[in-house]
Amino acid sequence: MNFQKLNNVFARNHRFLMLGFALIALFGISLPGCSSNRDDSQTSEERDRAAIIASDSPSPFHTADSSEKMDYDPWESFNAKTFSLNFNYIDHYGLKPAAKVWSEAFPQKVRHSLANAFYNLAMPVRFVNQVLQTRFPAAGEELARFVLNTTVGVVGLFDPASHLGLKKNQADSGETLALYGVKPGPYLVLPLLQPLTVRDAFGYAADSLMDPLSWFVTPIGADIGRSAAYQINERAENMTMYDDVEDTSLDLYAAVRNGYLQRRRKAIQDAIHDRDQTWQGLADHFEPQRKSILIDDPQSSIAPANQTAQSEGLEVEAR
């Protein structure tokens, strides 16, 4: 990298970059580190944007029966005002200009490596929730990815695990609560946060406690520094996708809401499917062993038959 050029870029645009960091730091404690689920080649934010673009199209996960529940938005007046604050002011005057400077300063490969490192750093959140969801194969894969990418991948900047077939998985506490039967509650928009439901808001708070940086630094300091860099890097990585969402949506608030809620519903369905496959696999593994025990020990199957015959004989005698 030409460091003189990099220095010139920051010198010309440092005010935009500092403004972006300041706005994000203002609410840094509540910024998301990583979120949910489940296209292995995409980040959660990319899936959000793709879901938003497709939110006006028919979806196999958005059925007529579930439509009202998915779009449950009794706080729409408050949410719409907060969304306007996020989009028209914080993003327009802070995050987007800072992301443009970031994009100009760092090549796409560097930004992609930073995204890999942020994903790797959020491993404890995914691992703990996969265990709680009893998705044990996914949890094992998560741990193997972390060890490989942290060592061979240079603290997560590179992703050799994907090249070896260890796929990316997502899991968060909001998803875990859903698998344990907690209802989503109303849709909710808060300053500088991704869209939420009430259930996801509680899940996000739980995920924040698992942030590994908060174990060594103060939780506020860890969140502000990491979240500011993460948000600006993510915004720079997906600049075109953000612009496409703005250009193709007639009602941006509704598009963001519907896209988010559809994506979350699909993520939860995928988690349930993965969990059920895990337990079905365990059942299939132990079933042949149970059958072989019965074959090897014929007395175990004869004994119940003899007991049945004896009981029938007793009934006849009693009559």
C-alpha atoms as a PDB file:
ATOM      1  CA  MET A   1       0.000   0.000   0.000  1.00  0.00           C
ATOM      2  CA  ASN A   2       1.233   3.516  -0.820  1.00  0.00           C
ATOM      3  CA  PHE A   3       1.414   5.035   2.661  1.00  0.00           C
ATOM      4  CA  GLN A   4       1.918   8.555   1.336  1.00  0.00           C
ATOM      5  CA  LYS A   5      -1.329   8.246  -0.602  1.00  0.00           C
ATOM      6  CA  LEU A   6      -3.058   6.806   2.466  1.00  0.00           C
ATOM      7  CA  ASN A   7      -1.845   9.733   4.555  1.00  0.00           C
ATOM      8  CA  ASN A   8      -3.135  12.193   1.960  1.00  0.00           C
ATOM      9  CA  VAL A   9      -6.564  10.527   1.923  1.00  0.00           C
ATOM     10  CA  PHE A  10      -6.908  10.806   5.692  1.00  0.00           C
ATOM     11  CA  ALA A  11      -5.583  14.359   5.678  1.00  0.00           C
ATOM     12  CA  ARG A  12      -8.224  15.459   3.158  1.00  0.00           C
ATOM     13  CA  ASN A  13     -11.130  13.607   4.742  1.00  0.00           C
ATOM     14  CA  HIS A  14     -10.299  13.248   8.421  1.00  0.00           C
ATOM     15  CA  ARG A  15     -13.309  15.332   9.460  1.00  0.00           C
ATOM     16  CA  PHE A  16     -15.763  12.925   7.807  1.00  0.00           C
ATOM     17  CA  LEU A  17     -14.034   9.917   9.329  1.00  0.00           C
ATOM     18  CA  MET A  18     -13.918  11.462  12.799  1.00  0.00           C
ATOM     19  CA  LEU A  19     -17.583  12.471  12.544  1.00  0.00           C
ATOM     20  CA  GLY A  20     -18.525   8.902  11.657  1.00  0.00           C
ATOM     21  CA  PHE A  21     -16.536   7.494  14.583  1.00  0.00           C
ATOM     22  CA  ALA A  22     -18.006  10.088  16.953  1.00  0.00           C
ATOM     23  CA  LEU A  23     -21.607   9.382  15.993  1.00  0.00           C
ATOM     24  CA  ILE A  24     -21.093   5.653  16.335  1.00  0.00           C
ATOM     25  CA  ALA A  25     -19.187   6.018  19.600  1.00  0.00           C
ATOM     26  CA  LEU A  26     -22.085   8.058  21.001  1.00  0.00           C
ATOM     27  CA  PHE A  27     -24.184   4.896  21.007  1.00  0.00           C
ATOM     28  CA  GLY A  28     -21.268   2.479  20.760  1.00  0.00           C
ATOM     29  CA  ILE A  29     -22.307   0.357  23.716  1.00  0.00           C
ATOM     30  CA  SER A  30     -25.437  -0.693  21.857  1.00  0.00           C
ATOM     31  CA  LEU A  31     -23.982  -1.349  18.433  1.00  0.00           C
ATOM     32  CA  PRO A  32     -24.188  -4.902  17.123  1.00  0.00           C
ATOM     33  CA  GLY A  33     -21.020  -6.893  16.785  1.00  0.00           C
ATOM     34  CA  CYS A  34     -22.403  -9.648  14.611  1.00  0.00           C
ATOM     35  CA  SER A  35     -25.877 -10.897  13.924  1.00  0.00           C
ATOM     36  CA  SER A  36     -27.777 -13.830  12.327  1.00  0.00           C
ATOM     37  CA  ASN A  37     -28.344 -16.458   9.773  1.00  0.00           C
ATOM     38  CA  ARG A  38     -27.583 -18.725   7.451  1.00  0.00           C
ATOM     39  CA  ASP A  39     -26.259 -18.294   3.924  1.00  0.00           C
ATOM     40  CA  ASP A  40     -22.701 -19.486   4.395  1.00  0.00           C
ATOM     41  CA  SER A  41     -21.168 -17.069   1.883  1.00  0.00           C
ATOM     42  CA  GLN A  42     -22.853 -13.925   3.212  1.00  0.00           C
ATOM     43  CA  THR A  43     -22.690 -11.813   6.337  1.00  0.00           C
ATOM     44  CA  SER A  44     -25.905 -11.153   8.205  1.00  0.00           C
ATOM     45  CA  GLU A  45     -25.924  -7.568   6.944  1.00  0.00           C
ATOM     46  CA  GLU A  46     -25.678  -8.708   3.315  1.00  0.00           C
ATOM     47  CA  ARG A  47     -28.615 -11.041   3.908  1.00  0.00           C
ATOM     48  CA  ASP A  48     -30.535  -8.133   5.437  1.00  0.00           C
ATOM     49  CA  ARG A  49     -29.994  -6.041   2.363  1.00  0.00           C
ATOM     50  CA  ALA A  50     -30.881  -8.903  -0.001  1.00  0.00           C
ATOM     51  CA  ALA A  51     -34.038  -9.610   2.005  1.00  0.00           C
ATOM     52  CA  ILE A  52     -35.002  -5.939   1.897  1.00  0.00           C
ATOM     53  CA  ILE A  53     -34.632  -5.789  -1.882  1.00  0.00           C
ATOM     54  CA  ALA A  54     -36.804  -8.888  -2.233  1.00  0.00           C
ATOM     55  CA  SER A  55     -39.296  -7.909   0.466  1.00  0.00           C
ATOM     56  CA  ASP A  56     -41.998  -6.879  -2.010  1.00  0.00           C
ATOM     57  CA  SER A  57     -41.767 -10.231  -3.822  1.00  0.00           C
ATOM     58  CA  PRO A  58     -43.616 -13.421  -2.805  1.00  0.00           C
ATOM     59  CA  SER A  59     -41.667 -15.447  -0.277  1.00  0.00           C
ATOM     60  CA  PRO A  60     -42.145 -19.121   0.645  1.00  0.00           C
ATOM     61  CA  PHE A  61     -41.527 -18.127   4.266  1.00  0.00           C
ATOM     62  CA  HIS A  62     -44.056 -15.292   4.293  1.00  0.00           C
ATOM     63  CA  THR A  63     -47.370 -17.076   4.118  1.00  0.00           C
ATOM     64  CA  ALA A  64     -50.792 -15.520   4.413  1.00  0.00           C
ATOM     65  CA  ASP A  65     -51.326 -17.153   7.788  1.00  0.00           C
ATOM     66  CA  SER A  66     -48.171 -15.630   9.283  1.00  0.00           C
ATOM     67  CA  SER A  67     -48.305 -12.208   7.615  1.00  0.00           C
ATOM     68  CA  GLU A  68     -49.891 -10.302  10.478  1.00  0.00           C
ATOM     69  CA  LYS A  69     -47.587 -11.845  13.061  1.00  0.00           C
ATOM     70  CA  MET A  70     -44.495 -11.102  10.997  1.00  0.00           C
ATOM     71  CA  ASP A  71     -45.434  -7.440  10.467  1.00  0.00           C
ATOM     72  CA  TYR A  72     -46.596  -6.847  14.050  1.00  0.00           C
ATOM     73  CA  ASP A  73     -45.634  -3.196  14.486  1.00  0.00           C
ATOM     74  CA  PRO A  74     -47.833  -1.486  17.116  1.00  0.00           C
ATOM     75  CA  TRP A  75     -45.066   1.073  17.810  1.00  0.00           C
ATOM     76  CA  GLU A  76     -44.830   2.170  14.175  1.00  0.00           C
ATOM     77  CA  SER A  77     -45.026   5.897  14.973  1.00  0.00           C
ATOM     78  CA  PHE A  78     -42.002   5.729  17.305  1.00  0.00           C
ATOM     79  CA  ASN A  79     -40.165   3.265  15.062  1.00  0.00           C
ATOM     80  CA  ALA A  80     -40.638   5.379  11.935  1.00  0.00           C
ATOM     81  CA  LYS A  81     -39.243   8.492  13.655  1.00  0.00           C
ATOM     82  CA  THR A  82     -36.239   6.569  14.948  1.00  0.00           C
ATOM     83  CA  PHE A  83     -35.692   5.041  11.513  1.00  0.00           C
ATOM     84  CA  SER A  84     -35.699   8.548  10.014  1.00  0.00           C
ATOM     85  CA  LEU A  85     -33.076   9.620  12.566  1.00  0.00           C
ATOM     86  CA  ASN A  86     -30.900   6.620  11.740  1.00  0.00           C
ATOM     87  CA  PHE A  87     -31.200   6.927   7.974  1.00  0.00           C
ATOM     88  CA  ASN A  88     -31.548  10.647   7.225  1.00  0.00           C
ATOM     89  CA  TYR A  89     -29.090  11.987   9.778  1.00  0.00           C
ATOM     90  CA  ILE A  90     -26.767   9.407  11.376  1.00  0.00           C
ATOM     91  CA  ASP A  91     -26.178   7.411   8.196  1.00  0.00           C
ATOM     92  CA  HIS A  92     -26.330  10.312   5.726  1.00  0.00           C
ATOM     93  CA  TYR A  93     -24.087  12.735   7.626  1.00  0.00           C
ATOM     94  CA  GLY A  94     -21.901  10.359   9.617  1.00  0.00           C
ATOM     95  CA  LEU A  95     -21.631   6.734   8.650  1.00  0.00           C
ATOM     96  CA  LYS A  96     -21.842   7.019   4.860  1.00  0.00           C
ATOM     97  CA  PRO A  97     -19.180   9.783   4.475  1.00  0.00           C
ATOM     98  CA  ALA A  98     -16.873   7.920   6.876  1.00  0.00           C
ATOM     99  CA  ALA A  99     -17.407   4.688   4.904  1.00  0.00           C
ATOM    100  CA  LYS A 100     -16.504   6.460   1.640  1.00  0.00           C
ATOM    101  CA  VAL A 101     -13.214   7.648   3.172  1.00  0.00           C
ATOM    102  CA  TRP A 102     -12.583   4.159   4.545  1.00  0.00           C
ATOM    103  CA  SER A 103     -13.293   2.623   1.136  1.00  0.00           C
ATOM    104  CA  GLU A 104     -10.904   5.033  -0.571  1.00  0.00           C
ATOM    105  CA  ALA A 105      -8.170   4.457   1.987  1.00  0.00           C
ATOM    106  CA  PHE A 106      -8.264   0.660   2.185  1.00  0.00           C
ATOM    107  CA  PRO A 107      -8.424  -1.750  -0.785  1.00  0.00           C
ATOM    108  CA  GLN A 108     -11.295  -4.207  -1.004  1.00  0.00           C
ATOM    109  CA  LYS A 109      -9.043  -7.120   0.051  1.00  0.00           C
ATOM    110  CA  VAL A 110      -8.063  -5.301   3.246  1.00  0.00           C
ATOM    111  CA  ARG A 111     -11.691  -4.517   4.069  1.00  0.00           C
ATOM    112  CA  HIS A 112     -12.631  -8.149   3.434  1.00  0.00           C
ATOM    113  CA  SER A 113      -9.855  -9.334   5.764  1.00  0.00           C
ATOM    114  CA  LEU A 114     -11.126  -6.996   8.470  1.00  0.00           C
ATOM    115  CA  ALA A 115     -14.633  -8.427   8.002  1.00  0.00           C
ATOM    116  CA  ASN A 116     -13.154 -11.923   8.447  1.00  0.00           C
ATOM    117  CA  ALA A 117     -11.450 -10.827  11.673  1.00  0.00           C
ATOM    118  CA  PHE A 118     -14.665  -9.354  13.089  1.00  0.00           C
ATOM    119  CA  TYR A 119     -16.536 -12.579  12.255  1.00  0.00           C
ATOM    120  CA  ASN A 120     -13.810 -14.652  13.924  1.00  0.00           C
ATOM    121  CA  LEU A 121     -13.878 -12.467  17.039  1.00  0.00           C
ATOM    122  CA  ALA A 122     -17.612 -13.110  17.496  1.00  0.00           C
ATOM    123  CA  MET A 123     -17.103 -16.884  17.734  1.00  0.00           C
ATOM    124  CA  PRO A 124     -18.085 -17.172  21.443  1.00  0.00           C
ATOM    125  CA  VAL A 125     -21.572 -15.798  20.726  1.00  0.00           C
ATOM    126  CA  ARG A 126     -22.197 -18.286  17.943  1.00  0.00           C
ATOM    127  CA  PHE A 127     -20.610 -21.243  19.760  1.00  0.00           C
ATOM    128  CA  VAL A 128     -22.512 -20.779  23.036  1.00  0.00           C
ATOM    129  CA  ASN A 129     -25.832 -20.353  21.244  1.00  0.00           C
ATOM    130  CA  GLN A 130     -25.267 -23.379  19.008  1.00  0.00           C
ATOM    131  CA  VAL A 131     -24.644 -25.466  22.135  1.00  0.00           C
ATOM    132  CA  LEU A 132     -27.754 -24.044  23.817  1.00  0.00           C
ATOM    133  CA  GLN A 133     -29.742 -24.863  20.679  1.00  0.00           C
ATOM    134  CA  THR A 134     -28.314 -28.449  20.832  1.00  0.00           C
ATOM    135  CA  ARG A 135     -26.826 -28.011  17.360  1.00  0.00           C
ATOM    136  CA  PHE A 136     -23.693 -29.867  18.389  1.00  0.00           C
ATOM    137  CA  PRO A 137     -22.187 -30.576  14.931  1.00  0.00           C
ATOM    138  CA  ALA A 138     -22.459 -26.866  14.075  1.00  0.00           C
ATOM    139  CA  ALA A 139     -20.828 -25.969  17.413  1.00  0.00           C
ATOM    140  CA  GLY A 140     -17.951 -28.362  16.723  1.00  0.00           C
ATOM    141  CA  GLU A 141     -17.515 -26.900  13.265  1.00  0.00           C
ATOM    142  CA  GLU A 142     -17.536 -23.398  14.769  1.00  0.00           C
ATOM    143  CA  LEU A 143     -14.770 -24.291  17.210  1.00  0.00           C
ATOM    144  CA  ALA A 144     -12.674 -25.932  14.478  1.00  0.00           C
ATOM    145  CA  ARG A 145     -13.081 -22.848  12.261  1.00  0.00           C
ATOM    146  CA  PHE A 146     -11.964 -20.566  15.090  1.00  0.00           C
ATOM    147  CA  VAL A 147      -8.824 -22.576  15.899  1.00  0.00           C
ATOM    148  CA  LEU A 148      -7.813 -22.868  12.238  1.00  0.00           C
ATOM    149  CA  ASN A 149      -8.523 -19.258  11.273  1.00  0.00           C
ATOM    150  CA  THR A 150      -6.923 -17.837  14.434  1.00  0.00           C
ATOM    151  CA  THR A 151      -3.690 -19.767  13.848  1.00  0.00           C
ATOM    152  CA  VAL A 152      -3.229 -20.429  10.134  1.00  0.00           C
ATOM    153  CA  GLY A 153      -5.486 -17.510   9.205  1.00  0.00           C
ATOM    154  CA  VAL A 154      -3.468 -14.964  11.241  1.00  0.00           C
ATOM    155  CA  VAL A 155      -5.959 -13.985  13.999  1.00  0.00           C
ATOM    156  CA  GLY A 156      -8.862 -14.405  11.614  1.00  0.00           C
ATOM    157  CA  LEU A 157      -7.750 -12.025   8.851  1.00  0.00           C
ATOM    158  CA  PHE A 158      -7.872 -14.929   6.407  1.00  0.00           C
ATOM    159  CA  ASP A 159     -10.370 -17.778   6.111  1.00  0.00           C
ATOM    160  CA  PRO A 160      -8.587 -21.062   5.305  1.00  0.00           C
ATOM    161  CA  ALA A 161     -11.369 -22.957   7.101  1.00  0.00           C
ATOM    162  CA  SER A 162     -13.854 -22.206   4.316  1.00  0.00           C
ATOM    163  CA  HIS A 163     -11.410 -23.550   1.744  1.00  0.00           C
ATOM    164  CA  LEU A 164     -11.259 -26.786   3.736  1.00  0.00           C
ATOM    165  CA  GLY A 165     -15.053 -27.147   3.706  1.00  0.00           C
ATOM    166  CA  LEU A 166     -15.793 -25.809   7.198  1.00  0.00           C
ATOM    167  CA  LYS A 167     -18.773 -23.619   6.423  1.00  0.00           C
ATOM    168  CA  LYS A 168     -19.812 -20.452   8.209  1.00  0.00           C
ATOM    169  CA  ASN A 169     -22.783 -20.754  10.542  1.00  0.00           C
ATOM    170  CA  GLN A 170     -24.728 -18.143  12.480  1.00  0.00           C
ATOM    171  CA  ALA A 171     -26.456 -18.248  15.842  1.00  0.00           C
ATOM    172  CA  ASP A 172     -27.498 -15.632  18.371  1.00  0.00           C
ATOM    173  CA  SER A 173     -29.426 -15.419  21.627  1.00  0.00           C
ATOM    174  CA  GLY A 174     -32.591 -14.099  19.954  1.00  0.00           C
ATOM    175  CA  GLU A 175     -32.629 -17.260  17.862  1.00  0.00           C
ATOM    176  CA  THR A 176     -32.039 -19.395  20.952  1.00  0.00           C
ATOM    177  CA  LEU A 177     -34.944 -17.763  22.775  1.00  0.00           C
ATOM    178  CA  ALA A 178     -37.153 -18.508  19.755  1.00  0.00           C
ATOM    179  CA  LEU A 179     -36.168 -22.193  19.827  1.00  0.00           C
ATOM    180  CA  TYR A 180     -37.197 -22.310  23.491  1.00  0.00           C
ATOM    181  CA  GLY A 181     -40.630 -20.934  22.652  1.00  0.00           C
ATOM    182  CA  VAL A 182     -40.273 -17.202  23.419  1.00  0.00           C
ATOM    183  CA  LYS A 183     -42.528 -15.113  21.155  1.00  0.00           C
ATOM    184  CA  PRO A 184     -40.957 -12.290  19.087  1.00  0.00           C
ATOM    185  CA  GLY A 185     -43.069  -9.434  20.401  1.00  0.00           C
ATOM    186  CA  PRO A 186     -43.428  -6.114  18.577  1.00  0.00           C
ATOM    187  CA  TYR A 187     -41.031  -4.814  15.941  1.00  0.00           C
ATOM    188  CA  LEU A 188     -38.598  -2.270  17.402  1.00  0.00           C
ATOM    189  CA  VAL A 189     -36.224   0.374  15.978  1.00  0.00           C
ATOM    190  CA  LEU A 190     -33.641   2.018  18.252  1.00  0.00           C
ATOM    191  CA  PRO A 191     -30.963   4.617  17.432  1.00  0.00           C
ATOM    192  CA  LEU A 192     -27.964   3.192  15.563  1.00  0.00           C
ATOM    193  CA  LEU A 193     -29.133  -0.404  15.951  1.00  0.00           C
ATOM    194  CA  GLN A 194     -30.160  -2.885  13.313  1.00  0.00           C
ATOM    195  CA  PRO A 195     -33.909  -3.671  13.245  1.00  0.00           C
ATOM    196  CA  LEU A 196     -35.090  -5.743  16.198  1.00  0.00           C
ATOM    197  CA  THR A 197     -38.034  -7.400  17.830  1.00  0.00           C
ATOM    198  CA  VAL A 198     -38.447  -7.242  21.610  1.00  0.00           C
ATOM    199  CA  ARG A 199     -37.165 -10.823  21.819  1.00  0.00           C
ATOM    200  CA  ASP A 200     -34.125  -9.943  19.696  1.00  0.00           C
ATOM    201  CA  ALA A 201     -33.430  -6.900  21.891  1.00  0.00           C
ATOM    202  CA  PHE A 202     -33.111  -9.160  24.953  1.00  0.00           C
ATOM    203  CA  GLY A 203     -31.051 -11.586  22.887  1.00  0.00           C
ATOM    204  CA  TYR A 204     -28.749  -8.805  21.753  1.00  0.00           C
ATOM    205  CA  ALA A 205     -28.157  -7.750  25.370  1.00  0.00           C
ATOM    206  CA  ALA A 206     -27.193 -11.343  26.229  1.00  0.00           C
ATOM    207  CA  ASP A 207     -24.852 -11.535  23.236  1.00  0.00           C
ATOM    208  CA  SER A 208     -23.106  -8.334  24.357  1.00  0.00           C
ATOM    209  CA  LEU A 209     -22.089 -10.040  27.597  1.00  0.00           C
ATOM    210  CA  MET A 210     -20.301 -12.720  25.545  1.00  0.00           C
ATOM    211  CA  ASP A 211     -18.120 -10.168  23.711  1.00  0.00           C
ATOM    212  CA  PRO A 212     -14.566 -11.460  24.336  1.00  0.00           C
ATOM    213  CA  LEU A 213     -13.097  -7.933  24.315  1.00  0.00           C
ATOM    214  CA  SER A 214     -15.288  -7.008  27.274  1.00  0.00           C
ATOM    215  CA  TRP A 215     -13.568  -9.731  29.300  1.00  0.00           C
ATOM    216  CA  PHE A 216     -10.223  -7.903  29.093  1.00  0.00           C
ATOM    217  CA  VAL A 217     -11.213  -4.271  28.521  1.00  0.00           C
ATOM    218  CA  THR A 218     -14.221  -2.407  29.908  1.00  0.00           C
ATOM    219  CA  PRO A 219     -17.433  -3.405  28.117  1.00  0.00           C
ATOM    220  CA  ILE A 220     -18.042   0.215  27.041  1.00  0.00           C
ATOM    221  CA  GLY A 221     -14.505   0.693  25.710  1.00  0.00           C
ATOM    222  CA  ALA A 222     -14.550  -2.618  23.871  1.00  0.00           C
ATOM    223  CA  ASP A 223     -17.906  -1.907  22.255  1.00  0.00           C
ATOM    224  CA  ILE A 224     -17.074   1.642  21.181  1.00  0.00           C
ATOM    225  CA  GLY A 225     -13.773   0.834  19.467  1.00  0.00           C
ATOM    226  CA  ARG A 226     -14.720  -2.468  17.877  1.00  0.00           C
ATOM    227  CA  SER A 227     -18.239  -1.457  16.892  1.00  0.00           C
ATOM    228  CA  ALA A 228     -17.195   1.831  15.282  1.00  0.00           C
ATOM    229  CA  ALA A 229     -14.590   0.130  13.104  1.00  0.00           C
ATOM    230  CA  TYR A 230     -16.935  -2.766  12.336  1.00  0.00           C
ATOM    231  CA  GLN A 231     -19.832  -0.552  11.265  1.00  0.00           C
ATOM    232  CA  ILE A 232     -17.718   1.699   9.045  1.00  0.00           C
ATOM    233  CA  ASN A 233     -15.986  -1.300   7.436  1.00  0.00           C
ATOM    234  CA  GLU A 234     -19.299  -3.099   6.873  1.00  0.00           C
ATOM    235  CA  ARG A 235     -20.839   0.045   5.370  1.00  0.00           C
ATOM    236  CA  ALA A 236     -17.888   0.450   3.001  1.00  0.00           C
ATOM    237  CA  GLU A 237     -18.054  -3.228   1.990  1.00  0.00           C
ATOM    238  CA  ASN A 238     -21.756  -2.968   1.052  1.00  0.00           C
ATOM    239  CA  MET A 239     -21.994   0.569  -0.323  1.00  0.00           C
ATOM    240  CA  THR A 240     -23.575  -0.527  -3.616  1.00  0.00           C
ATOM    241  CA  MET A 241     -26.093  -2.801  -1.908  1.00  0.00           C
ATOM    242  CA  TYR A 242     -27.218   0.019   0.395  1.00  0.00           C
ATOM    243  CA  ASP A 243     -27.665   2.315  -2.605  1.00  0.00           C
ATOM    244  CA  ASP A 244     -29.681  -0.369  -4.430  1.00  0.00           C
ATOM    245  CA  VAL A 245     -32.013  -0.691  -1.451  1.00  0.00           C
ATOM    246  CA  GLU A 246     -32.583   3.066  -1.382  1.00  0.00           C
ATOM    247  CA  ASP A 247     -33.206   3.243  -5.138  1.00  0.00           C
ATOM    248  CA  THR A 248     -35.556   0.257  -5.433  1.00  0.00           C
ATOM    249  CA  SER A 249     -37.765   0.732  -2.359  1.00  0.00           C
ATOM    250  CA  LEU A 250     -40.844   2.945  -2.561  1.00  0.00           C
ATOM    251  CA  ASP A 251     -41.377   2.698   1.198  1.00  0.00           C
ATOM    252  CA  LEU A 252     -37.936   2.195   2.715  1.00  0.00           C
ATOM    253  CA  TYR A 253     -39.184   1.815   6.298  1.00  0.00           C
ATOM    254  CA  ALA A 254     -41.633  -0.961   5.359  1.00  0.00           C
ATOM    255  CA  ALA A 255     -39.057  -2.630   3.111  1.00  0.00           C
ATOM    256  CA  VAL A 256     -36.456  -2.732   5.885  1.00  0.00           C
ATOM    257  CA  ARG A 257     -39.003  -4.010   8.412  1.00  0.00           C
ATOM    258  CA  ASN A 258     -40.430  -6.723   6.143  1.00  0.00           C
ATOM    259  CA  GLY A 259     -37.012  -7.815   4.917  1.00  0.00           C
ATOM    260  CA  TYR A 260     -35.655  -8.107   8.446  1.00  0.00           C
ATOM    261  CA  LEU A 261     -38.646 -10.018   9.795  1.00  0.00           C
ATOM    262  CA  GLN A 262     -38.654 -12.431   6.843  1.00  0.00           C
ATOM    263  CA  ARG A 263     -34.939 -13.085   7.288  1.00  0.00           C
ATOM    264  CA  ARG A 264     -35.300 -13.702  11.012  1.00  0.00           C
ATOM    265  CA  ARG A 265     -38.165 -16.117  10.490  1.00  0.00           C
ATOM    266  CA  LYS A 266     -36.150 -18.061   7.944  1.00  0.00           C
ATOM    267  CA  ALA A 267     -33.102 -18.073  10.246  1.00  0.00           C
ATOM    268  CA  ILE A 268     -35.166 -19.562  13.072  1.00  0.00           C
ATOM    269  CA  GLN A 269     -36.670 -22.177  10.741  1.00  0.00           C
ATOM    270  CA  ASP A 270     -33.165 -23.108   9.588  1.00  0.00           C
ATOM    271  CA  ALA A 271     -31.976 -23.413  13.197  1.00  0.00           C
ATOM    272  CA  ILE A 272     -34.912 -25.686  14.039  1.00  0.00           C
ATOM    273  CA  HIS A 273     -34.204 -27.808  10.968  1.00  0.00           C
ATOM    274  CA  ASP A 274     -30.508 -28.073  11.881  1.00  0.00           C
ATOM    275  CA  ARG A 275     -31.370 -29.026  15.471  1.00  0.00           C
ATOM    276  CA  ASP A 276     -33.875 -31.667  14.334  1.00  0.00           C
ATOM    277  CA  GLN A 277     -31.335 -33.116  11.904  1.00  0.00           C
ATOM    278  CA  THR A 278     -28.824 -33.386  14.749  1.00  0.00           C
ATOM    279  CA  TRP A 279     -31.198 -35.397  16.922  1.00  0.00           C
ATOM    280  CA  GLN A 280     -32.415 -37.494  14.014  1.00  0.00           C
ATOM    281  CA  GLY A 281     -28.809 -38.336  13.219  1.00  0.00           C
ATOM    282  CA  LEU A 282     -28.230 -39.434  16.799  1.00  0.00           C
ATOM    283  CA  ALA A 283     -31.384 -41.561  16.723  1.00  0.00           C
ATOM    284  CA  ASP A 284     -30.339 -43.173  13.431  1.00  0.00           C
ATOM    285  CA  HIS A 285     -26.893 -43.880  14.881  1.00  0.00           C
ATOM    286  CA  PHE A 286     -28.162 -45.699  17.978  1.00  0.00           C
ATOM    287  CA  GLU A 287     -31.090 -47.532  16.329  1.00  0.00           C
ATOM    288  CA  PRO A 288     -28.929 -50.217  14.591  1.00  0.00           C
ATOM    289  CA  GLN A 289     -27.119 -50.835  17.881  1.00  0.00           C
ATOM    290  CA  ARG A 290     -30.423 -51.401  19.684  1.00  0.00           C
ATOM    291  CA  LYS A 291     -31.577 -53.803  16.969  1.00  0.00           C
ATOM    292  CA  SER A 292     -28.277 -55.707  17.055  1.00  0.00           C
ATOM    293  CA  ILE A 293     -28.617 -56.151  20.824  1.00  0.00           C
ATOM    294  CA  LEU A 294     -32.061 -57.702  20.327  1.00  0.00           C
ATOM    295  CA  ILE A 295     -30.706 -60.028  17.638  1.00  0.00           C
ATOM    296  CA  ASP A 296     -27.673 -61.056  19.691  1.00  0.00           C
ATOM    297  CA  ASP A 297     -29.837 -61.707  22.774  1.00  0.00           C
ATOM    298  CA  PRO A 298     -32.971 -63.521  21.566  1.00  0.00           C
ATOM    299  CA  GLN A 299     -34.039 -64.131  25.162  1.00  0.00           C
ATOM    300  CA  SER A 300     -34.724 -60.368  25.468  1.00  0.00           C
ATOM    301  CA  SER A 301     -37.403 -60.644  22.785  1.00  0.00           C
ATOM    302  CA  ILE A 302     -38.675 -64.082  23.874  1.00  0.00           C
ATOM    303  CA  ALA A 303     -39.156 -63.079  27.473  1.00  0.00           C
ATOM    304  CA  PRO A 304     -41.811 -60.452  26.802  1.00  0.00           C
ATOM    305  CA  ALA A 305     -43.650 -62.906  24.547  1.00  0.00           C
ATOM    306  CA  ASN A 306     -43.637 -65.573  27.297  1.00  0.00           C
ATOM    307  CA  GLN A 307     -44.869 -63.020  29.802  1.00  0.00           C
ATOM    308  CA  THR A 308     -47.747 -62.119  27.485  1.00  0.00           C
ATOM    309  CA  ALA A 309     -48.684 -65.787  27.030  1.00  0.00           C
ATOM    310  CA  GLN A 310     -48.576 -66.405  30.772  1.00  0.00           C
ATOM    311  CA  SER A 311     -50.802 -63.418  31.480  1.00  0.00           C
ATOM    312  CA  GLU A 312     -53.307 -64.606  28.869  1.00  0.00           C
ATOM    313  CA  GLY A 313     -53.290 -68.092  30.475  1.00  0.00           C
ATOM    314  CA  LEU A 314     -54.007 -66.584  33.882  1.00  0.00           C
ATOM    315  CA  GLU A 315     -56.929 -64.647  32.475  1.00  0.00           C
ATOM    316  CA  VAL A 316     -58.389 -67.854  30.995  1.00  0.00           C
ATOM    317  CA  GLU A 317     -58.021 -69.692  34.317  1.00  0.00           C
ATOM    318  CA  ALA A 318     -59.679 -66.825  36.157  1.00  0.00           C
ATOM    319  CA  ARG A 319     -62.672 -67.055  33.886  1.00  0.00           C
END
